[in-house]
Amino acid sequence: MENFIAHNPTKVHFGKDIVGQLGEVAVQLGKKALLVYGRGSVLRNGSYQDTKDQLDKAGIEVVEFSGIKPNPVIEDVDGAAGIGIEHKVDMVVAVGGGSVIDSAKIIAICITEQCSGWDVMKGLRDPKSVVPILAVLTLAATGSEMNAVAVVQNNKTMEKFGYRHPVMFPSHSFMDPAYTCSVPADHTGYGIADLIAHVLENYFGQGDASLSDRFAASIILEAMEYGPRLMNDLNNYDLRARIMWAATTALNGLLSCGRANGEFTSHALGHQLSLLYDTTHGASLSIAFPAWMKHMKPKIVHRLEKLGQDLFGDTSAERTIERLESFFRQVQCPIRLGDIGITPDKKDEIVSLMNKNNVNGKNPDNLLNDLDREQIVDLMFAE
């Protein structure tokens, strides 16, 4: 095992009507809140109104920023931070999925540092503290509600990547699975693909950590058992709860213990698709991950064989990839670029951006060169 430090200070409040505790928590943090959220879904599922009611009842003054995009952009981060600075807020309350919570993390730093969001993303700031972040989760996918990572894109520079800093852990996260019952089937499936990708990115990381492997297999098996059932019963609270908690545990640090680096190449590959075509994050991963596994098979064959044994009782590396692809299909996710309408004439555009941004992961044993990226993109198109 590799050396590691385990630390997760986020307090999770999980269950039906759990947002009813938000007011009593928020009032301990200050008197003025910046409330950030996306578009219409939080209005339809009741999460916005429930949160606003809690803040109002606690006597907390609220200023708002709405319209955070599913692939969050730095302009929205800066706009929201400007409001927070102007009104001298004591906390940031994020209502939404990973995009909103990721944005809130960078917003919180910008308010404290009074700086641009891209300076934060580029590592030009070293924040010592931030205004507290409260998260109200409405989509099971990214795990942002219990980690210190944020992904934001810059459409001017054509860059999208993650930033990690320990001050960005949400102080409290309120997770009511009922809010996710209104998520449509396609985005429910994308969230399931996202959580599995998070597990696998840790699984293919650097280092030997057998207990983390066992946790990883259990989370994927949880998703494989309950994910397809949920796709056929979208209003089932119990199934929503199981998938929500699986998504949280997939990226809250549990699976990285004993490893020096996660892999995360597939996330970097997928980010380029989001930059170019506004591809939904989970959909980009269900396309990128199988292609990466096929290309990297000679280097990771022993890990694929172990994964196949743990998940399917079958040590064939080829069949393991095929079965993962089949599962992504089962939860209505694309596995080829053609599935989302991207045609082979776009290959050079995709490869060029991947090379410009030097797309790679964190595991030094599996780094890519320009030819690797081209061959992976070919596999994304392959029938």
Protein backbone atom coordinates (compact mmCIF):
# COMPACT_ATOMS: atom_id res chain seq x y z
CA MET A 1 0.00 0.00 0.00
CA GLU A 2 1.02 3.59 -0.63
CA ASN A 3 1.12 6.14 2.18
CA PHE A 4 -2.04 8.20 2.51
CA ILE A 5 -3.84 10.78 4.62
CA ALA A 6 -7.58 10.21 5.10
CA HIS A 7 -9.59 13.35 5.83
CA ASN A 8 -13.21 14.21 5.13
CA PRO A 9 -14.82 16.91 7.30
CA THR A 10 -18.16 17.11 5.44
CA LYS A 11 -21.15 16.39 7.65
CA VAL A 12 -23.78 14.51 5.63
CA HIS A 13 -27.50 14.83 6.41
CA PHE A 14 -29.21 12.03 4.46
CA GLY A 15 -32.85 11.12 4.08
CA LYS A 16 -36.37 12.25 3.34
CA ASP A 17 -37.15 15.87 4.32
CA ILE A 18 -33.62 16.26 5.66
CA VAL A 19 -33.39 19.84 4.34
CA GLY A 20 -35.59 20.70 7.31
CA GLN A 21 -32.34 20.78 9.30
CA LEU A 22 -30.65 23.35 7.04
CA GLY A 23 -31.88 26.48 8.81
CA GLU A 24 -30.59 25.49 12.22
CA VAL A 25 -27.21 24.68 10.66
CA ALA A 26 -26.99 27.85 8.58
CA VAL A 27 -27.81 30.19 11.46
CA GLN A 28 -24.69 28.98 13.24
CA LEU A 29 -22.57 30.10 10.28
CA GLY A 30 -23.74 33.65 9.75
CA LYS A 31 -26.54 36.02 8.83
CA LYS A 32 -26.25 36.37 5.05
CA ALA A 33 -26.12 33.68 2.34
CA LEU A 34 -25.41 33.55 -1.37
CA LEU A 35 -27.86 31.01 -2.83
CA VAL A 36 -26.64 29.52 -6.14
CA TYR A 37 -28.53 27.13 -8.36
CA GLY A 38 -29.07 26.09 -11.96
CA ARG A 39 -32.13 26.40 -14.11
CA GLY A 40 -35.65 25.07 -13.79
CA SER A 41 -35.21 21.64 -12.19
CA VAL A 42 -34.70 22.94 -8.64
CA LEU A 43 -37.91 24.90 -8.95
CA ARG A 44 -39.84 21.85 -10.13
CA ASN A 45 -38.56 19.36 -7.55
CA GLY A 46 -39.10 21.68 -4.60
CA SER A 47 -35.48 21.84 -3.45
CA TYR A 48 -35.11 25.57 -4.10
CA GLN A 49 -38.25 26.53 -2.19
CA ASP A 50 -37.49 24.17 0.70
CA THR A 51 -34.00 25.65 1.02
CA LYS A 52 -35.19 29.24 0.71
CA ASP A 53 -37.88 28.63 3.32
CA GLN A 54 -35.28 27.27 5.73
CA LEU A 55 -33.03 30.28 5.27
CA ASP A 56 -35.94 32.69 5.64
CA LYS A 57 -37.20 30.99 8.80
CA ALA A 58 -33.71 31.20 10.28
CA GLY A 59 -33.66 34.95 9.63
CA ILE A 60 -30.83 34.71 7.13
CA GLU A 61 -30.68 37.36 4.42
CA VAL A 62 -30.43 35.76 0.97
CA VAL A 63 -28.93 37.01 -2.29
CA GLU A 64 -29.17 34.76 -5.33
CA PHE A 65 -27.35 33.72 -8.48
CA SER A 66 -29.17 31.37 -10.86
CA GLY A 67 -28.43 29.75 -14.20
CA ILE A 68 -25.36 27.62 -13.45
CA LYS A 69 -24.92 25.41 -16.52
CA PRO A 70 -24.60 21.59 -16.53
CA ASN A 71 -21.02 22.01 -17.80
CA PRO A 72 -20.21 24.97 -15.52
CA VAL A 73 -18.34 27.94 -16.97
CA ILE A 74 -15.94 30.32 -15.29
CA GLU A 75 -18.02 33.40 -16.18
CA ASP A 76 -20.83 32.19 -13.93
CA VAL A 77 -18.39 31.54 -11.11
CA ASP A 78 -17.04 35.08 -11.38
CA GLY A 79 -20.53 36.58 -11.65
CA ALA A 80 -21.75 34.80 -8.54
CA ALA A 81 -18.58 35.59 -6.60
CA GLY A 82 -18.99 39.27 -7.46
CA ILE A 83 -22.46 39.25 -5.90
CA GLY A 84 -21.11 37.47 -2.84
CA ILE A 85 -18.32 40.00 -2.41
CA GLU A 86 -20.65 42.96 -2.92
CA HIS A 87 -23.09 41.74 -0.29
CA LYS A 88 -20.44 40.44 2.13
CA VAL A 89 -22.06 37.02 2.48
CA ASP A 90 -21.16 34.63 5.29
CA MET A 91 -21.81 31.41 3.38
CA VAL A 92 -22.57 29.91 -0.03
CA VAL A 93 -25.59 27.61 -0.31
CA ALA A 94 -25.60 25.45 -3.45
CA VAL A 95 -28.82 23.77 -4.59
CA GLY A 96 -28.34 21.38 -7.47
CA GLY A 97 -26.09 18.69 -8.86
CA GLY A 98 -22.35 18.50 -9.21
CA SER A 99 -22.06 21.47 -11.55
CA VAL A 100 -23.68 23.81 -9.04
CA ILE A 101 -21.76 22.43 -6.08
CA ASP A 102 -18.45 22.53 -7.99
CA SER A 103 -19.14 26.15 -8.93
CA ALA A 104 -19.99 26.99 -5.31
CA LYS A 105 -16.62 25.69 -4.15
CA ILE A 106 -14.68 28.02 -6.44
CA ILE A 107 -17.13 30.86 -5.71
CA ALA A 108 -16.42 30.44 -1.99
CA ILE A 109 -12.70 30.79 -2.57
CA CYS A 110 -13.16 33.82 -4.84
CA ILE A 111 -15.27 35.56 -2.19
CA THR A 112 -12.59 35.07 0.43
CA GLU A 113 -9.63 35.80 -1.84
CA GLN A 114 -11.45 38.46 -3.91
CA CYS A 115 -9.93 37.03 -7.06
CA SER A 116 -10.95 35.58 -10.41
CA GLY A 117 -12.14 31.99 -10.62
CA TRP A 118 -9.63 31.09 -13.29
CA ASP A 119 -6.75 32.18 -11.04
CA VAL A 120 -8.04 29.62 -8.56
CA MET A 121 -8.42 26.88 -11.19
CA LYS A 122 -4.89 27.55 -12.46
CA GLY A 123 -3.47 27.21 -8.96
CA LEU A 124 -2.39 30.85 -8.69
CA ARG A 125 -4.00 31.15 -5.25
CA ASP A 126 -3.37 29.18 -2.10
CA PRO A 127 -6.48 29.79 0.00
CA LYS A 128 -6.23 29.23 3.73
CA SER A 129 -9.99 29.31 4.33
CA VAL A 130 -13.29 29.96 2.57
CA VAL A 131 -16.77 31.02 3.54
CA PRO A 132 -18.66 27.86 4.52
CA ILE A 133 -20.36 25.87 1.77
CA LEU A 134 -23.73 24.17 2.29
CA ALA A 135 -24.85 21.78 -0.44
CA VAL A 136 -28.38 20.58 -1.19
CA LEU A 137 -27.99 17.71 -3.64
CA THR A 138 -30.50 17.12 -6.44
CA LEU A 139 -28.60 14.70 -8.72
CA ALA A 140 -26.75 11.48 -7.89
CA ALA A 141 -23.60 11.52 -10.01
CA THR A 142 -20.45 13.46 -9.22
CA GLY A 143 -19.89 12.99 -5.50
CA SER A 144 -19.10 16.71 -5.21
CA GLU A 145 -21.26 16.87 -2.09
CA MET A 146 -18.57 15.07 -0.07
CA ASN A 147 -15.24 15.91 -1.66
CA ALA A 148 -12.86 18.82 -2.18
CA VAL A 149 -12.77 18.80 -5.99
CA ALA A 150 -14.34 21.18 -8.51
CA VAL A 151 -14.41 21.02 -12.32
CA VAL A 152 -15.04 24.21 -14.30
CA GLN A 153 -14.45 25.04 -17.96
CA ASN A 154 -13.18 28.10 -19.78
CA ASN A 155 -14.67 28.37 -23.25
CA LYS A 156 -12.31 31.17 -24.25
CA THR A 157 -9.14 29.18 -23.62
CA MET A 158 -10.86 25.85 -24.40
CA GLU A 159 -9.77 24.25 -21.15
CA LYS A 160 -11.66 22.11 -18.67
CA PHE A 161 -10.09 20.38 -15.70
CA GLY A 162 -10.43 19.77 -12.00
CA TYR A 163 -9.03 21.68 -9.05
CA ARG A 164 -8.58 20.15 -5.61
CA HIS A 165 -8.04 21.94 -2.32
CA PRO A 166 -8.93 20.80 1.21
CA VAL A 167 -10.70 24.07 2.06
CA MET A 168 -13.40 23.19 -0.52
CA PHE A 169 -15.09 20.37 1.36
CA PRO A 170 -18.72 21.40 1.93
CA SER A 171 -19.30 22.02 5.62
CA HIS A 172 -22.68 20.27 5.42
CA SER A 173 -24.42 18.39 2.63
CA PHE A 174 -28.16 17.72 2.68
CA MET A 175 -29.09 14.69 0.61
CA ASP A 176 -32.79 13.96 0.13
CA PRO A 177 -33.20 11.24 -2.51
CA ALA A 178 -36.76 12.46 -3.13
CA TYR A 179 -35.34 15.49 -4.98
CA THR A 180 -33.81 13.14 -7.56
CA CYS A 181 -37.12 11.44 -8.41
CA SER A 182 -37.82 14.11 -11.01
CA VAL A 183 -34.52 13.47 -12.84
CA PRO A 184 -35.36 12.00 -16.28
CA ALA A 185 -34.14 8.57 -17.36
CA ASP A 186 -31.27 9.80 -19.55
CA HIS A 187 -29.67 11.93 -16.84
CA THR A 188 -30.31 9.24 -14.25
CA GLY A 189 -28.31 6.86 -16.44
CA TYR A 190 -25.57 9.42 -16.99
CA GLY A 191 -25.23 9.78 -13.22
CA ILE A 192 -24.86 6.01 -12.84
CA ALA A 193 -22.14 5.99 -15.52
CA ASP A 194 -20.41 8.87 -13.74
CA LEU A 195 -20.31 7.11 -10.39
CA ILE A 196 -18.94 3.92 -11.97
CA ALA A 197 -16.28 5.95 -13.78
CA HIS A 198 -15.21 7.50 -10.46
CA VAL A 199 -14.84 4.05 -8.94
CA LEU A 200 -12.83 2.76 -11.90
CA GLU A 201 -10.57 5.81 -12.03
CA ASN A 202 -9.52 4.98 -8.49
CA TYR A 203 -9.36 1.25 -9.23
CA PHE A 204 -6.85 1.80 -12.05
CA GLY A 205 -4.79 4.20 -9.94
CA GLN A 206 -1.22 3.78 -8.76
CA GLY A 207 -0.58 1.37 -5.91
CA ASP A 208 -1.86 -1.90 -4.47
CA ALA A 209 -4.77 -1.45 -2.07
CA SER A 210 -6.80 -4.62 -1.66
CA LEU A 211 -9.39 -3.21 0.73
CA SER A 212 -10.01 -0.27 -1.60
CA ASP A 213 -10.48 -2.81 -4.40
CA ARG A 214 -13.14 -4.60 -2.36
CA PHE A 215 -14.94 -1.33 -1.64
CA ALA A 216 -14.72 -0.45 -5.35
CA ALA A 217 -16.29 -3.71 -6.48
CA SER A 218 -19.08 -3.37 -3.91
CA ILE A 219 -20.02 0.12 -5.11
CA ILE A 220 -20.11 -0.97 -8.75
CA LEU A 221 -22.17 -4.05 -7.85
CA GLU A 222 -24.58 -1.80 -5.96
CA ALA A 223 -25.00 0.35 -9.09
CA MET A 224 -25.37 -2.69 -11.32
CA GLU A 225 -28.03 -4.23 -9.10
CA TYR A 226 -30.14 -1.17 -8.46
CA GLY A 227 -29.37 1.04 -11.47
CA PRO A 228 -31.39 -0.92 -14.07
CA ARG A 229 -34.27 -1.30 -11.63
CA LEU A 230 -34.27 2.44 -11.08
CA MET A 231 -34.34 3.11 -14.82
CA ASN A 232 -37.64 1.21 -14.90
CA ASP A 233 -39.05 2.81 -11.74
CA LEU A 234 -37.83 6.41 -11.65
CA ASN A 235 -40.07 7.46 -8.75
CA ASN A 236 -38.85 4.72 -6.42
CA TYR A 237 -37.44 6.52 -3.37
CA ASP A 238 -35.54 3.50 -2.03
CA LEU A 239 -33.76 2.90 -5.34
CA ARG A 240 -32.96 6.62 -5.63
CA ALA A 241 -31.47 6.51 -2.13
CA ARG A 242 -29.24 3.55 -2.91
CA ILE A 243 -27.86 5.14 -6.06
CA MET A 244 -27.40 8.51 -4.36
CA TRP A 245 -25.29 7.03 -1.59
CA ALA A 246 -23.31 4.90 -4.04
CA ALA A 247 -22.46 8.04 -6.04
CA THR A 248 -21.29 9.82 -2.89
CA THR A 249 -19.05 6.98 -1.71
CA ALA A 250 -17.57 6.60 -5.20
CA LEU A 251 -15.61 9.84 -4.82
CA ASN A 252 -15.46 10.83 -1.14
CA GLY A 253 -11.89 9.60 -0.67
CA LEU A 254 -12.70 6.08 0.52
CA LEU A 255 -11.38 4.42 -2.65
CA SER A 256 -8.17 6.40 -2.88
CA CYS A 257 -6.80 5.17 0.45
CA GLY A 258 -3.65 3.14 -0.17
CA ARG A 259 -3.08 4.60 -3.63
CA ALA A 260 -0.72 7.41 -4.55
CA ASN A 261 -2.72 8.57 -7.58
CA GLY A 262 -6.04 7.85 -9.19
CA GLU A 263 -6.15 7.42 -12.97
CA PHE A 264 -8.71 10.02 -14.20
CA THR A 265 -7.58 9.93 -17.84
CA SER A 266 -11.11 9.15 -18.98
CA HIS A 267 -12.39 12.25 -17.24
CA ALA A 268 -9.79 14.34 -19.05
CA LEU A 269 -10.77 12.72 -22.36
CA GLY A 270 -14.45 13.34 -21.68
CA HIS A 271 -13.87 16.98 -20.74
CA GLN A 272 -12.70 17.69 -24.30
CA LEU A 273 -16.02 16.39 -25.65
CA SER A 274 -17.87 18.70 -23.28
CA LEU A 275 -15.77 21.64 -24.41
CA LEU A 276 -16.35 20.97 -28.09
CA TYR A 277 -19.94 19.70 -28.15
CA ASP A 278 -21.39 20.47 -24.70
CA THR A 279 -21.63 16.72 -24.13
CA THR A 280 -23.19 15.76 -20.82
CA HIS A 281 -20.44 14.69 -18.44
CA GLY A 282 -21.70 11.17 -17.72
CA ALA A 283 -22.30 10.51 -21.42
CA SER A 284 -18.74 11.55 -22.23
CA LEU A 285 -17.46 9.02 -19.69
CA SER A 286 -19.48 6.06 -20.95
CA ILE A 287 -17.87 6.73 -24.35
CA ALA A 288 -14.34 7.50 -23.17
CA PHE A 289 -13.82 4.82 -20.52
CA PRO A 290 -14.34 1.71 -22.68
CA ALA A 291 -12.13 3.18 -25.39
CA TRP A 292 -9.40 3.91 -22.85
CA MET A 293 -9.61 0.39 -21.40
CA LYS A 294 -9.35 -1.21 -24.85
CA HIS A 295 -6.34 0.88 -25.77
CA MET A 296 -4.60 0.39 -22.42
CA LYS A 297 -5.39 -3.33 -22.14
CA PRO A 298 -1.78 -4.51 -22.58
CA LYS A 299 -0.73 -2.38 -19.59
CA ILE A 300 -3.73 -2.98 -17.35
CA VAL A 301 -4.72 -6.53 -18.31
CA HIS A 302 -4.15 -7.89 -14.81
CA ARG A 303 -6.41 -5.20 -13.33
CA LEU A 304 -9.10 -5.88 -15.94
CA GLU A 305 -8.94 -9.58 -15.16
CA LYS A 306 -9.29 -8.95 -11.43
CA LEU A 307 -12.15 -6.52 -12.06
CA GLY A 308 -13.90 -9.13 -14.22
CA GLN A 309 -13.53 -11.74 -11.49
CA ASP A 310 -14.85 -9.38 -8.81
CA LEU A 311 -17.84 -8.16 -10.85
CA PHE A 312 -18.74 -11.03 -13.15
CA GLY A 313 -16.86 -14.13 -11.97
CA ASP A 314 -14.99 -14.08 -15.28
CA THR A 315 -11.27 -13.24 -15.68
CA SER A 316 -11.45 -12.38 -19.40
CA ALA A 317 -10.26 -8.79 -19.90
CA GLU A 318 -12.12 -8.54 -23.21
CA ARG A 319 -15.41 -9.76 -21.78
CA THR A 320 -15.06 -7.43 -18.78
CA ILE A 321 -14.96 -4.43 -21.12
CA GLU A 322 -17.84 -5.82 -23.18
CA ARG A 323 -19.97 -6.33 -20.08
CA LEU A 324 -19.29 -2.81 -18.83
CA GLU A 325 -20.30 -1.46 -22.23
CA SER A 326 -23.43 -3.59 -22.13
CA PHE A 327 -24.29 -2.18 -18.71
CA PHE A 328 -23.86 1.39 -19.92
CA ARG A 329 -26.24 0.57 -22.73
CA GLN A 330 -28.67 -0.92 -20.21
CA VAL A 331 -28.85 2.39 -18.36
CA GLN A 332 -29.34 4.30 -21.62
CA CYS A 333 -25.83 5.70 -21.97
CA PRO A 334 -23.92 6.09 -25.25
CA ILE A 335 -20.75 4.06 -25.78
CA ARG A 336 -19.66 5.48 -29.15
CA LEU A 337 -19.38 9.02 -30.45
CA GLY A 338 -21.85 8.13 -33.18
CA ASP A 339 -24.45 7.49 -30.49
CA ILE A 340 -24.49 11.21 -29.72
CA GLY A 341 -24.32 12.33 -33.34
CA ILE A 342 -20.59 13.03 -33.58
CA THR A 343 -19.31 11.83 -36.94
CA PRO A 344 -15.80 10.65 -37.92
CA ASP A 345 -15.07 13.88 -39.77
CA LYS A 346 -14.73 15.47 -36.30
CA LYS A 347 -11.81 13.20 -35.38
CA ASP A 348 -9.04 15.71 -36.15
CA GLU A 349 -10.84 18.42 -34.18
CA ILE A 350 -11.12 16.16 -31.14
CA VAL A 351 -7.56 14.85 -31.31
CA SER A 352 -6.18 18.34 -31.83
CA LEU A 353 -7.84 19.68 -28.66
CA MET A 354 -6.77 16.63 -26.64
CA ASN A 355 -3.17 17.15 -27.72
CA LYS A 356 -3.32 20.91 -27.14
CA ASN A 357 -4.50 20.31 -23.58
CA ASN A 358 -2.07 17.39 -23.11
CA VAL A 359 -4.88 15.15 -21.92
CA ASN A 360 -3.58 12.69 -19.34
CA GLY A 361 -4.36 11.09 -16.03
CA LYS A 362 -2.58 11.04 -12.69
CA ASN A 363 -1.11 7.53 -12.79
CA PRO A 364 2.46 7.88 -14.11
CA ASP A 365 2.41 4.26 -15.30
CA ASN A 366 -0.32 5.00 -17.86
CA LEU A 367 0.53 8.39 -19.39
CA LEU A 368 -0.59 9.08 -22.96
CA ASN A 369 1.23 10.55 -25.94
CA ASP A 370 -0.27 12.09 -29.10
CA LEU A 371 -0.53 8.74 -30.88
CA ASP A 372 -2.27 7.16 -27.88
CA ARG A 373 -4.92 9.88 -27.93
CA GLU A 374 -5.54 9.44 -31.64
CA GLN A 375 -5.95 5.70 -31.25
CA ILE A 376 -8.32 6.15 -28.30
CA VAL A 377 -10.47 8.52 -30.36
CA ASP A 378 -10.54 5.93 -33.15
CA LEU A 379 -11.92 3.46 -30.61
CA MET A 380 -14.57 5.97 -29.59
CA PHE A 381 -15.81 5.86 -33.19
CA ALA A 382 -15.30 2.11 -33.79
CA GLU A 383 -18.33 -0.08 -34.33
